[in-house]
Amino acid sequence: MQISPPTHQDDPIALIGRFDAHEAPAFRAFVAPLLDTSAPLLHFDLSQVAFIDSTALAELVQAMKTARTNGGDIVLSKLSVPVRVILELTGLDKALTIADQMPGTVS
């Protein structure tokens, strides 16, 4: 998986490729310092994620818990079909903050 950092402050972090157990450590290492702030708000563009497994879901939930503990949140947007299906099947679409397109359009 490729993690594409935002080029501007309001741009999302794009995740590209397979998000699975093999990629989880790199994701964790990337987000840890971003979550270690007051009221972190991380926005992830998942439009190019072709596959997501349970380990990746656990990483997203852990990131959400850490962000919310610190007074912030994570926002997932532009969900690819595989990601949307898995989030709906697991019920995580109700727990995670999901925006249809960009921040401000939370569904």
Protein backbone atom coordinates (compact mmCIF):
# COMPACT_ATOMS: atom_id res chain seq x y z
CA MET A 1 0.00 0.00 0.00
CA GLN A 2 1.16 3.49 -0.73
CA ILE A 3 0.42 6.27 1.74
CA SER A 4 0.26 9.63 0.01
CA PRO A 5 0.55 12.50 2.51
CA PRO A 6 -1.52 15.61 1.86
CA THR A 7 0.06 18.38 -0.18
CA HIS A 8 -2.11 21.04 1.48
CA GLN A 9 -3.41 21.23 5.04
CA ASP A 10 -7.02 20.43 4.06
CA ASP A 11 -6.16 17.60 1.64
CA PRO A 12 -6.80 14.01 2.71
CA ILE A 13 -4.19 11.33 3.24
CA ALA A 14 -4.63 8.98 0.28
CA LEU A 15 -4.26 5.25 0.82
CA ILE A 16 -3.53 3.37 -2.41
CA GLY A 17 -3.52 -0.40 -3.04
CA ARG A 18 -4.09 -3.27 -0.63
CA PHE A 19 -4.57 -2.37 3.02
CA ASP A 20 -3.91 -5.61 4.86
CA ALA A 21 -1.90 -7.18 7.68
CA HIS A 22 1.31 -6.79 5.71
CA GLU A 23 0.76 -3.02 5.42
CA ALA A 24 -0.56 -2.40 8.94
CA PRO A 25 2.83 -1.64 10.57
CA ALA A 26 3.62 1.06 7.99
CA PHE A 27 0.17 2.61 8.47
CA ARG A 28 0.59 2.55 12.26
CA ALA A 29 4.03 4.17 12.01
CA PHE A 30 2.69 6.88 9.70
CA VAL A 31 -0.36 7.84 11.79
CA ALA A 32 1.14 7.50 15.30
CA PRO A 33 2.88 10.90 15.35
CA LEU A 34 -0.14 12.55 13.72
CA LEU A 35 -2.43 11.19 16.44
CA ASP A 36 -0.08 12.24 19.23
CA THR A 37 -1.40 15.81 19.22
CA SER A 38 -4.26 17.69 20.78
CA ALA A 39 -7.52 17.20 18.85
CA PRO A 40 -6.07 15.41 15.83
CA LEU A 41 -8.30 15.31 12.76
CA LEU A 42 -7.07 12.88 10.12
CA HIS A 43 -8.90 12.60 6.81
CA PHE A 44 -8.29 9.49 4.71
CA ASP A 45 -9.20 9.13 1.02
CA LEU A 46 -9.91 5.42 0.46
CA SER A 47 -10.98 5.66 -3.20
CA GLN A 48 -7.95 3.71 -4.37
CA VAL A 49 -7.95 0.95 -1.76
CA ALA A 50 -8.55 -2.27 -3.70
CA PHE A 51 -8.69 -4.61 -0.68
CA ILE A 52 -9.00 -4.26 3.08
CA ASP A 53 -8.74 -7.01 5.70
CA SER A 54 -9.59 -7.34 9.38
CA THR A 55 -6.14 -6.20 10.50
CA ALA A 56 -6.54 -2.99 8.50
CA LEU A 57 -10.00 -2.47 9.99
CA ALA A 58 -8.49 -2.87 13.44
CA GLU A 59 -5.87 -0.23 12.58
CA LEU A 60 -8.60 2.22 11.53
CA VAL A 61 -10.57 1.54 14.73
CA GLN A 62 -7.44 2.00 16.85
CA ALA A 63 -6.65 5.27 15.06
CA MET A 64 -10.24 6.41 15.68
CA LYS A 65 -10.05 5.53 19.39
CA THR A 66 -6.71 7.31 19.81
CA ALA A 67 -7.92 10.40 17.96
CA ARG A 68 -11.15 10.55 19.96
CA THR A 69 -9.28 10.06 23.25
CA ASN A 70 -7.20 13.11 22.28
CA GLY A 71 -10.30 15.15 21.39
CA GLY A 72 -10.19 14.56 17.63
CA ASP A 73 -11.39 12.05 15.07
CA ILE A 74 -10.59 10.35 11.80
CA VAL A 75 -12.72 10.83 8.69
CA LEU A 76 -12.89 8.31 5.87
CA SER A 77 -13.99 9.54 2.46
CA LYS A 78 -14.40 8.43 -1.14
CA LEU A 79 -14.75 4.80 -0.09
CA SER A 80 -13.97 2.29 -2.82
CA VAL A 81 -16.62 -0.39 -3.34
CA PRO A 82 -14.60 -3.12 -1.55
CA VAL A 83 -14.02 -0.86 1.45
CA ARG A 84 -17.66 0.29 1.62
CA VAL A 85 -18.91 -3.32 1.47
CA ILE A 86 -16.60 -4.48 4.27
CA LEU A 87 -17.44 -1.50 6.48
CA GLU A 88 -21.17 -2.12 5.99
CA LEU A 89 -20.89 -5.88 6.59
CA THR A 90 -18.96 -5.35 9.83
CA GLY A 91 -21.13 -2.46 11.02
CA LEU A 92 -18.09 -0.19 11.22
CA ASP A 93 -19.83 2.25 8.87
CA LYS A 94 -21.87 3.20 11.96
CA ALA A 95 -18.86 3.61 14.25
CA LEU A 96 -16.42 5.45 11.98
CA THR A 97 -16.96 8.94 10.61
CA ILE A 98 -17.52 8.64 6.87
CA ALA A 99 -17.75 11.56 4.45
CA ASP A 100 -19.15 11.01 0.97
CA GLN A 101 -16.64 13.20 -0.82
CA MET A 102 -14.81 15.84 1.19
CA PRO A 103 -14.81 17.15 4.77
CA GLY A 104 -18.12 18.79 5.61
CA THR A 105 -20.23 16.16 3.81
CA VAL A 106 -20.38 13.60 6.59
CA SER A 107 -22.90 10.82 6.00
